[in-house]
Protein backbone atom coordinates (compact mmCIF):
# COMPACT_ATOMS: atom_id res chain seq x y z
CA MET A 1 0.00 0.00 0.00
CA ASP A 2 3.09 2.23 0.18
CA ARG A 3 3.07 2.50 -3.63
CA LEU A 4 0.58 5.39 -3.52
CA GLU A 5 1.46 8.79 -2.11
CA GLY A 6 -2.05 9.47 -0.81
CA PRO A 7 -5.51 7.96 -0.43
CA PRO A 8 -6.47 5.55 -3.23
CA ARG A 9 -9.15 6.77 -5.61
CA LEU A 10 -10.61 3.26 -5.76
CA ILE A 11 -9.96 -0.02 -4.01
CA LEU A 12 -11.20 -2.92 -6.11
CA VAL A 13 -11.51 -6.19 -4.19
CA ALA A 14 -12.13 -9.21 -6.39
CA ASP A 15 -12.58 -12.90 -5.76
CA LEU A 16 -10.75 -14.90 -8.43
CA ASP A 17 -12.43 -18.14 -9.49
CA CYS A 18 -15.66 -17.46 -11.39
CA THR A 19 -15.51 -13.75 -10.45
CA LEU A 20 -12.48 -12.20 -12.11
CA VAL A 21 -11.42 -15.44 -13.81
CA ASP A 22 -14.02 -17.06 -16.07
CA HIS A 23 -13.14 -20.75 -16.30
CA ASP A 24 -15.69 -21.14 -19.11
CA ASP A 25 -13.75 -18.68 -21.28
CA PRO A 26 -10.43 -20.16 -22.47
CA GLU A 27 -9.76 -16.96 -24.44
CA ASN A 28 -9.86 -14.83 -21.25
CA THR A 29 -11.80 -12.20 -23.17
CA ASP A 30 -13.25 -10.25 -20.25
CA LEU A 31 -10.22 -10.71 -18.03
CA LEU A 32 -8.09 -9.08 -20.73
CA ARG A 33 -10.69 -6.29 -21.08
CA PHE A 34 -10.44 -5.67 -17.33
CA ASN A 35 -6.62 -5.74 -17.45
CA ALA A 36 -6.49 -3.05 -20.13
CA LEU A 37 -8.98 -0.86 -18.26
CA TRP A 38 -7.14 -1.18 -14.94
CA GLU A 39 -3.66 -0.49 -16.30
CA ALA A 40 -4.80 2.41 -18.51
CA HIS A 41 -6.92 4.26 -15.94
CA TYR A 42 -6.55 2.93 -12.37
CA ARG A 43 -3.15 1.43 -11.60
CA HIS A 44 -1.53 4.83 -10.94
CA ASP A 45 -3.87 5.94 -8.13
CA SER A 46 -5.91 2.92 -7.02
CA LEU A 47 -5.40 -0.42 -5.28
CA LEU A 48 -6.18 -3.88 -6.65
CA ILE A 49 -6.83 -6.59 -4.06
CA TYR A 50 -7.43 -10.26 -4.82
CA CYS A 51 -9.53 -11.92 -2.14
CA THR A 52 -9.66 -15.67 -2.71
CA GLY A 53 -10.33 -18.94 -0.99
CA ARG A 54 -7.24 -20.34 -2.68
CA SER A 55 -4.02 -20.73 -0.73
CA PHE A 56 -1.20 -18.41 -1.75
CA SER A 57 0.60 -21.21 -3.60
CA SER A 58 -2.62 -22.17 -5.41
CA TYR A 59 -3.18 -18.53 -6.35
CA MET A 60 0.36 -18.34 -7.76
CA SER A 61 -0.32 -21.50 -9.76
CA LEU A 62 -3.43 -19.86 -11.24
CA ARG A 63 -1.33 -16.88 -12.32
CA LYS A 64 0.73 -19.20 -14.51
CA LYS A 65 -2.43 -20.34 -16.29
CA ARG A 66 -4.38 -17.10 -16.62
CA PRO A 67 -3.39 -13.50 -17.53
CA LEU A 68 -3.85 -12.08 -14.05
CA LEU A 69 -2.42 -8.69 -13.19
CA THR A 70 -0.14 -8.29 -10.18
CA PRO A 71 -2.35 -7.13 -7.31
CA ASP A 72 -1.24 -4.68 -4.66
CA ILE A 73 -2.47 -7.12 -2.02
CA ALA A 74 -3.44 -10.79 -2.12
CA VAL A 75 -5.84 -11.96 0.59
CA THR A 76 -5.69 -15.75 0.37
CA SER A 77 -6.98 -18.85 2.15
CA VAL A 78 -10.41 -17.28 2.84
CA GLY A 79 -8.89 -14.28 4.59
CA SER A 80 -6.40 -16.16 6.74
CA GLU A 81 -3.33 -14.73 4.98
CA ILE A 82 -2.51 -11.23 3.69
CA VAL A 83 0.43 -10.75 1.31
CA TYR A 84 1.66 -7.41 -0.08
CA SER A 85 3.15 -7.20 -3.57
CA GLY A 86 6.16 -5.11 -4.51
CA GLU A 87 9.70 -5.91 -5.49
CA SER A 88 9.12 -8.95 -3.31
CA THR A 89 6.05 -10.44 -1.63
CA VAL A 90 5.70 -9.77 2.10
CA SER A 91 3.21 -11.39 4.48
CA ASP A 92 1.40 -9.28 7.09
CA VAL A 93 2.80 -10.73 10.31
CA VAL A 94 0.56 -8.53 12.48
CA TRP A 95 -2.52 -10.05 10.85
CA THR A 96 -1.11 -13.55 11.26
CA ALA A 97 -0.43 -12.94 14.95
CA ARG A 98 -4.00 -11.72 15.49
CA LEU A 99 -5.36 -14.98 14.15
CA ASP A 100 -3.52 -16.95 16.81
CA TYR A 101 -5.93 -15.68 19.47
CA LYS A 102 -8.02 -18.62 20.76
CA TRP A 103 -6.91 -20.79 17.85
CA ASN A 104 -5.38 -24.26 18.06
CA ARG A 105 -5.14 -26.13 14.78
CA ASP A 106 -4.41 -29.48 16.42
CA ILE A 107 -7.61 -29.31 18.45
CA VAL A 108 -9.61 -28.34 15.35
CA VAL A 109 -8.23 -31.35 13.45
CA GLU A 110 -8.86 -33.65 16.41
CA GLU A 111 -12.51 -32.61 16.82
CA THR A 112 -13.38 -32.51 13.12
CA LEU A 113 -12.16 -36.10 12.77
CA LYS A 114 -15.20 -37.06 14.83
CA PHE A 115 -17.47 -35.95 11.95
CA PRO A 116 -17.17 -38.71 9.31
CA LYS A 117 -19.11 -36.65 6.76
CA LEU A 118 -16.24 -34.15 6.62
CA GLU A 119 -13.82 -35.21 3.90
CA PRO A 120 -10.46 -33.45 4.28
CA GLN A 121 -9.35 -31.45 1.26
CA PRO A 122 -5.85 -32.17 -0.17
CA ASP A 123 -2.82 -31.08 1.83
CA LYS A 124 -2.17 -28.18 -0.57
CA SER A 125 -5.48 -26.63 0.54
CA GLN A 126 -4.64 -26.80 4.25
CA GLU A 127 -3.03 -23.84 6.00
CA GLU A 128 -1.88 -22.96 9.51
CA HIS A 129 -5.05 -20.91 10.04
CA LYS A 130 -7.41 -22.85 7.76
CA VAL A 131 -8.66 -26.42 7.99
CA SER A 132 -10.65 -27.36 4.90
CA PHE A 133 -13.09 -30.13 3.96
CA PHE A 134 -15.57 -31.28 1.34
CA VAL A 135 -19.10 -31.93 2.56
CA GLU A 136 -22.65 -32.02 1.20
CA ARG A 137 -24.87 -29.04 1.98
CA GLU A 138 -27.34 -30.93 4.22
CA ASP A 139 -24.52 -32.35 6.32
CA ALA A 140 -22.77 -28.99 6.48
CA VAL A 141 -25.86 -27.36 8.01
CA GLU A 142 -25.92 -29.87 10.86
CA ILE A 143 -22.17 -29.74 11.48
CA MET A 144 -22.22 -25.94 11.62
CA LYS A 145 -24.75 -26.17 14.45
CA GLU A 146 -22.63 -28.54 16.54
CA LEU A 147 -18.96 -27.88 15.87
CA PRO A 148 -18.55 -24.30 17.22
CA GLY A 149 -19.85 -25.25 20.66
CA ILE A 150 -17.62 -28.31 20.85
CA LEU A 151 -14.55 -26.27 19.98
CA GLU A 152 -15.54 -23.44 22.31
CA GLU A 153 -15.56 -25.88 25.23
CA ARG A 154 -11.94 -26.61 24.38
CA GLY A 155 -11.01 -22.93 24.25
CA VAL A 156 -11.03 -22.55 20.47
CA ASP A 157 -13.11 -19.80 18.85
CA VAL A 158 -13.80 -20.40 15.16
CA LYS A 159 -15.56 -19.11 12.08
CA LEU A 160 -17.13 -21.65 9.73
CA VAL A 161 -17.44 -20.79 6.04
CA TYR A 162 -19.39 -22.93 3.56
CA SER A 163 -19.37 -22.14 -0.14
CA ASN A 164 -20.00 -23.50 -3.63
CA GLY A 165 -22.11 -26.33 -2.29
CA TYR A 166 -19.11 -28.40 -1.23
CA ALA A 167 -16.29 -26.38 0.43
CA PHE A 168 -16.22 -26.19 4.24
CA ASP A 169 -13.51 -24.13 5.97
CA VAL A 170 -12.74 -23.83 9.67
CA LEU A 171 -10.97 -20.55 10.45
CA PRO A 172 -9.99 -18.49 13.50
CA ARG A 173 -12.89 -16.28 14.62
CA GLY A 174 -11.23 -13.10 13.35
CA ALA A 175 -10.39 -14.49 9.90
CA GLY A 176 -12.53 -14.55 6.77
CA LYS A 177 -12.70 -12.18 3.84
CA GLN A 178 -14.63 -9.54 5.79
CA GLY A 179 -12.19 -9.61 8.68
CA ALA A 180 -9.18 -9.26 6.40
CA LEU A 181 -10.65 -6.41 4.34
CA THR A 182 -11.86 -4.56 7.44
CA TYR A 183 -8.35 -4.84 8.86
CA LEU A 184 -6.86 -3.37 5.67
CA LEU A 185 -9.40 -0.53 5.51
CA ASP A 186 -8.77 0.29 9.18
CA LYS A 187 -5.06 0.31 8.50
CA LEU A 188 -5.52 2.84 5.68
CA ASP A 189 -7.80 4.94 7.87
CA ILE A 190 -5.21 5.11 10.65
CA GLU A 191 -2.63 6.23 8.08
CA GLY A 192 -5.00 8.96 6.87
CA ASN A 193 -5.43 7.24 3.50
CA GLN A 194 -9.07 6.23 3.53
CA PRO A 195 -10.12 5.41 -0.08
CA SER A 196 -12.63 7.50 -1.99
CA ASN A 197 -14.52 4.33 -2.96
CA THR A 198 -14.28 0.58 -2.46
CA LEU A 199 -15.86 -2.01 -4.77
CA VAL A 200 -16.08 -5.67 -3.72
CA CYS A 201 -16.80 -8.35 -6.32
CA GLY A 202 -17.85 -11.95 -5.73
CA ASP A 203 -19.81 -14.98 -6.87
CA SER A 204 -20.09 -17.44 -3.97
CA GLY A 205 -21.03 -17.89 -0.33
CA ASN A 206 -17.63 -17.05 1.10
CA ASP A 207 -17.87 -13.65 -0.62
CA SER A 208 -21.14 -12.66 1.09
CA GLU A 209 -19.45 -11.24 4.18
CA LEU A 210 -17.53 -8.76 2.01
CA PHE A 211 -20.87 -7.10 1.22
CA ASN A 212 -21.53 -6.64 4.96
CA ILE A 213 -18.93 -3.87 5.17
CA SER A 214 -21.04 -0.72 5.30
CA GLN A 215 -18.89 1.66 3.26
CA VAL A 216 -18.38 -0.54 0.21
CA TYR A 217 -20.11 -0.95 -3.13
CA GLY A 218 -20.71 -4.54 -4.14
CA VAL A 219 -21.34 -6.52 -7.31
CA MET A 220 -22.46 -10.10 -7.61
CA VAL A 221 -21.48 -11.20 -11.12
CA SER A 222 -24.28 -12.70 -13.24
CA ASN A 223 -22.95 -16.24 -12.82
CA SER A 224 -23.09 -16.07 -8.99
CA HIS A 225 -23.99 -19.19 -7.02
CA GLU A 226 -27.48 -19.58 -5.62
CA GLU A 227 -26.17 -19.34 -2.06
CA LEU A 228 -24.94 -15.78 -2.67
CA LEU A 229 -28.15 -14.76 -4.45
CA GLN A 230 -30.16 -16.16 -1.55
CA TRP A 231 -28.02 -14.22 0.92
CA HIS A 232 -28.69 -11.06 -1.09
CA GLU A 233 -32.42 -11.71 -1.12
CA GLU A 234 -32.48 -12.19 2.65
CA ASN A 235 -30.01 -9.45 3.65
CA ALA A 236 -29.41 -6.80 1.02
CA LYS A 237 -32.11 -6.71 -1.64
CA ASP A 238 -33.00 -3.13 -0.69
CA ASN A 239 -29.37 -1.95 -0.52
CA PRO A 240 -28.73 0.27 -3.59
CA LYS A 241 -24.97 -0.14 -3.17
CA ILE A 242 -25.12 -3.87 -3.95
CA PHE A 243 -26.41 -5.26 -7.22
CA HIS A 244 -26.54 -8.38 -9.35
CA ALA A 245 -24.74 -7.72 -12.64
CA SER A 246 -26.16 -8.79 -15.98
CA GLU A 247 -22.65 -9.74 -17.19
CA ARG A 248 -20.36 -12.59 -16.22
CA CYS A 249 -17.10 -12.35 -14.32
CA GLY A 250 -14.76 -9.54 -15.47
CA ALA A 251 -17.49 -8.00 -17.64
CA GLY A 252 -19.72 -7.81 -14.56
CA ILE A 253 -16.98 -5.97 -12.66
CA ILE A 254 -16.65 -3.42 -15.47
CA GLU A 255 -20.45 -3.09 -15.45
CA ALA A 256 -20.34 -2.27 -11.73
CA ILE A 257 -17.68 0.42 -12.22
CA GLN A 258 -20.02 2.08 -14.70
CA ARG A 259 -23.19 1.61 -12.63
CA PHE A 260 -21.70 3.18 -9.52
CA ASN A 261 -19.84 5.86 -11.50
CA LEU A 262 -16.52 4.93 -9.90
CA GLY A 263 -14.39 6.09 -12.82
CA PRO A 264 -13.66 5.25 -16.46
CA SER A 265 -15.52 2.11 -17.54
CA VAL A 266 -14.65 1.76 -21.23
CA SER A 267 -11.80 -0.71 -21.69
CA PRO A 268 -9.27 0.22 -24.37
CA ARG A 269 -10.06 -3.22 -25.81
CA ASP A 270 -13.57 -1.97 -26.57
CA VAL A 271 -12.33 0.96 -28.66
CA LEU A 272 -12.62 0.61 -32.44
CA ASP A 273 -9.38 0.47 -34.40
CA SER A 274 -10.20 3.78 -36.08
CA GLU A 275 -9.97 5.43 -32.67
CA ILE A 276 -6.87 3.63 -31.48
CA PHE A 277 -4.55 6.59 -31.97
CA GLN A 278 -6.69 9.10 -30.10
CA ALA A 279 -4.42 10.51 -27.42
CA GLU A 280 -5.22 11.38 -23.84
CA SER A 281 -2.97 14.28 -22.95
CA LEU A 282 -0.21 13.12 -20.59
CA ASN A 283 -1.90 9.82 -19.75
CA LEU A 284 1.18 7.69 -20.25
CA ALA A 285 -0.53 4.52 -19.05
CA HIS A 286 -3.32 4.90 -21.60
CA GLU A 287 -0.74 5.64 -24.30
CA VAL A 288 1.29 2.46 -23.78
CA VAL A 289 -1.79 0.25 -23.36
CA GLN A 290 -3.20 1.63 -26.63
CA PHE A 291 0.11 1.10 -28.42
CA TYR A 292 0.41 -2.57 -27.49
CA LEU A 293 -3.26 -3.24 -28.08
CA PHE A 294 -2.88 -1.92 -31.62
CA TYR A 295 0.28 -4.03 -32.02
CA GLU A 296 -1.70 -7.14 -31.00
CA ARG A 297 -4.52 -6.31 -33.41
CA TRP A 298 -2.06 -5.76 -36.26
CA ARG A 299 -0.37 -9.09 -35.61
CA CYS A 300 -3.77 -10.82 -35.48
CA GLY A 301 -5.02 -9.14 -38.63
CA GLU A 302 -7.84 -7.43 -36.75
CA VAL A 303 -7.06 -4.09 -38.41
CA GLU A 304 -6.61 -3.63 -42.14
CA LYS A 305 -3.13 -3.87 -43.57
CA SER A 306 -2.75 -0.20 -44.37
CA ASP A 307 0.38 1.91 -44.52
CA LYS A 308 -1.53 4.71 -42.78
CA TYR A 309 -1.33 2.77 -39.52
CA LEU A 310 2.43 2.30 -39.75
CA GLN A 311 2.85 5.97 -40.59
CA ASN A 312 0.71 6.84 -37.58
CA LEU A 313 2.99 4.72 -35.39
CA LYS A 314 6.01 6.54 -36.80
CA SER A 315 4.36 9.87 -36.01
CA LEU A 316 4.22 8.76 -32.36
CA SER A 317 7.97 8.18 -32.20
CA SER A 318 11.08 10.22 -32.80
CA PRO A 319 13.01 9.57 -36.04
CA LEU A 320 16.08 9.36 -33.80
CA GLY A 321 14.39 7.03 -31.31
CA ILE A 322 16.09 3.71 -30.52
CA PHE A 323 14.49 0.41 -29.52
CA VAL A 324 16.62 -2.08 -27.56
CA HIS A 325 15.33 -5.61 -28.13
CA PRO A 326 15.48 -7.92 -25.06
CA SER A 327 18.18 -9.92 -26.91
CA GLY A 328 20.34 -6.78 -26.85
CA VAL A 329 19.91 -5.86 -30.52
CA GLU A 330 19.46 -2.10 -31.07
CA LYS A 331 17.74 -0.45 -34.04
CA PRO A 332 15.88 2.79 -34.73
CA ILE A 333 12.24 2.56 -33.68
CA HIS A 334 11.16 3.43 -37.24
CA GLU A 335 13.03 0.38 -38.59
CA TRP A 336 11.20 -1.90 -36.15
CA ILE A 337 7.93 -0.35 -37.32
CA ASP A 338 8.90 -1.13 -40.93
CA ASP A 339 9.50 -4.75 -39.85
CA MET A 340 5.88 -4.95 -38.70
CA GLU A 341 4.60 -4.85 -42.28
CA HIS A 342 5.38 -8.51 -43.03
CA LEU A 343 4.00 -9.64 -39.65
CA HIS A 344 0.43 -8.49 -40.34
CA GLY A 345 -1.94 -11.32 -39.39
CA ASP A 346 0.81 -13.78 -38.38
CA GLY A 347 -0.56 -14.06 -34.82
CA LYS A 348 -4.16 -14.95 -35.73
CA GLU A 349 -3.77 -18.73 -35.75
CA LYS A 350 -1.38 -18.55 -32.82
CA LYS A 351 -4.07 -16.74 -30.76
CA LEU A 352 -1.67 -13.95 -29.88
CA ARG A 353 -2.69 -11.87 -26.87
CA ILE A 354 -0.72 -9.11 -25.14
CA TRP A 355 -1.29 -7.48 -21.78
CA LEU A 356 0.66 -4.98 -19.71
CA ASP A 357 1.12 -5.20 -15.95
CA ASN A 358 2.31 -2.80 -13.26
CA VAL A 359 2.30 0.26 -15.50
CA SER A 360 3.87 3.24 -13.73
CA SER A 361 5.28 6.57 -14.83
CA SER A 362 7.56 9.27 -13.45
CA HIS A 363 8.27 12.85 -14.48
CA ILE A 364 12.04 13.08 -14.92
CA SER A 365 12.38 16.56 -16.47
CA SER A 366 10.20 19.47 -17.59
CA ASP A 367 9.02 17.70 -20.73
CA THR A 368 10.26 14.10 -20.32
CA TRP A 369 8.54 11.12 -18.75
CA LEU A 370 9.55 7.54 -18.05
CA ALA A 371 7.00 4.72 -18.26
CA LYS A 372 7.77 1.29 -16.78
CA PHE A 373 5.75 -1.91 -17.13
CA ASP A 374 5.92 -5.64 -17.69
CA LYS A 375 4.75 -6.79 -21.11
CA HIS A 376 3.36 -10.32 -21.44
CA GLU A 377 2.78 -11.99 -24.79
CA LEU A 378 0.77 -15.22 -25.10
CA SER A 379 1.24 -17.15 -28.35
CA GLU A 380 0.55 -20.83 -29.07
CA GLY A 381 -0.05 -21.42 -25.38
CA LYS A 382 3.33 -20.04 -24.28
CA VAL A 383 3.84 -16.79 -22.37
CA ARG A 384 6.92 -14.66 -22.95
CA SER A 385 7.49 -11.72 -20.64
CA CYS A 386 9.81 -8.73 -20.59
CA SER A 387 10.43 -5.69 -18.45
CA THR A 388 9.95 -2.53 -20.51
CA LYS A 389 11.01 1.08 -20.07
CA VAL A 390 9.83 3.83 -22.43
CA LEU A 391 11.16 7.38 -22.49
CA LEU A 392 8.55 9.84 -23.78
CA SER A 393 8.64 13.57 -24.48
CA TYR A 394 5.71 15.97 -24.43
CA LYS A 395 5.77 19.03 -26.67
CA GLU A 396 3.08 21.61 -25.96
CA GLU A 397 2.78 22.59 -29.63
CA LYS A 398 2.09 18.98 -30.69
CA GLN A 399 -0.27 18.29 -27.77
CA ARG A 400 0.87 14.68 -27.58
CA LEU A 401 3.60 12.37 -26.34
CA THR A 402 6.51 11.25 -28.52
CA TRP A 403 8.25 7.90 -27.94
CA MET A 404 11.99 8.63 -27.66
CA HIS A 405 13.52 5.36 -26.46
CA ILE A 406 12.31 1.80 -25.69
CA HIS A 407 14.35 -0.72 -23.72
CA GLN A 408 13.27 -4.29 -23.00
CA SER A 409 14.83 -7.16 -21.02
CA TRP A 410 13.54 -10.70 -20.57
CA LEU A 411 11.72 -11.61 -17.36
CA ASP A 412 12.01 -14.97 -15.61
CA GLU A 413 12.96 -17.67 -18.14
CA SER A 414 11.44 -15.90 -21.13
CA PHE A 415 13.13 -15.68 -24.53
CA SER A 416 12.04 -15.50 -28.16
CA ASP A 417 12.45 -18.60 -30.33
CA ASP A 418 12.36 -16.35 -33.40
CA GLN A 419 13.82 -12.88 -32.84
CA GLU A 420 12.23 -11.59 -36.05
CA LYS A 421 8.77 -12.39 -34.69
CA TRP A 422 9.37 -10.45 -31.46
CA VAL A 423 9.21 -6.84 -32.57
CA PHE A 424 7.84 -4.75 -29.75
């Protein structure tokens, strides 16, 4: 949360599975729409929080399979762990210590073994402050009546969370998604950085308690489970700050941003190609997102093969500008743009998709700006990633930014099998 210099304009809190991530959409269409919207208009002054029932390791595994942005905070294991992102991930040890109060995992395991209907989930789903099972709904109802009292007699105070019609979690009393988010909001308040708005997004029973926080807006995506819809009917149907979206997953989240007027709600991916070069004065994030979105569309043949587009790209960059390829090869930016001509449409069959992550910018002189971001390129099922820095200049008479220098370096174990096919 130290990334921002003041109060966040928006905190967006999203469950992952079936909320932000649509497992019925292998193309990740709406997730990519959300990514472009967030990086272009929100990353610089807002906070993104993932709030998931997955363990941290399971969440990281999902990131290898889906184009998820890097959040500012990951609340994992149904609110029993809080991890901050930055140059390295850091767990909130204060939150972890709080959960130790009146909690004894060994006693929880011992007493739950006496309920044969509780089927332990795999070891990878078990955490120090979360004991997880599979159980049918009817059996869960009965166990939830008995288990808390049994554990209380042994000095253990718990919260029971049942979701998706099969998942049963035993947590410390103070844990859960609501407890974790309330803790984070209180922390911001103490620091004098209370957000202008907070939007929580969910689809299942373990998300319902997020909507209980009075100051938040809430969206239940259209594909929400019956248990969440029933909770809404019984507890919040007259609350104008909580609504059931007409769109699935990421599209439902974008719908909520628009409904509650929380900020820009048109993803750059929804802009027609004829508008792709419309500039937003000194919005560097929007500029770089637009640039790479056009590059993707060119490679996929989704815009016509017209020299006017390449000339427009050249007009965005300095004739003296240099691009440093992640392999170390250096060439004028205009030469790389010329190389794009023979790549038109080559990414269509390969299902090429590009997204930017962690876009940031800094003002380094009176008319010069530096943009930094990670660029990810998915092609033929393989993701290649690079760290990118772009030097841009703003001339008042031109009323737009000019790309002066681009420098890329490979991230992780990424590399290009064919250097000629990796242009920008």
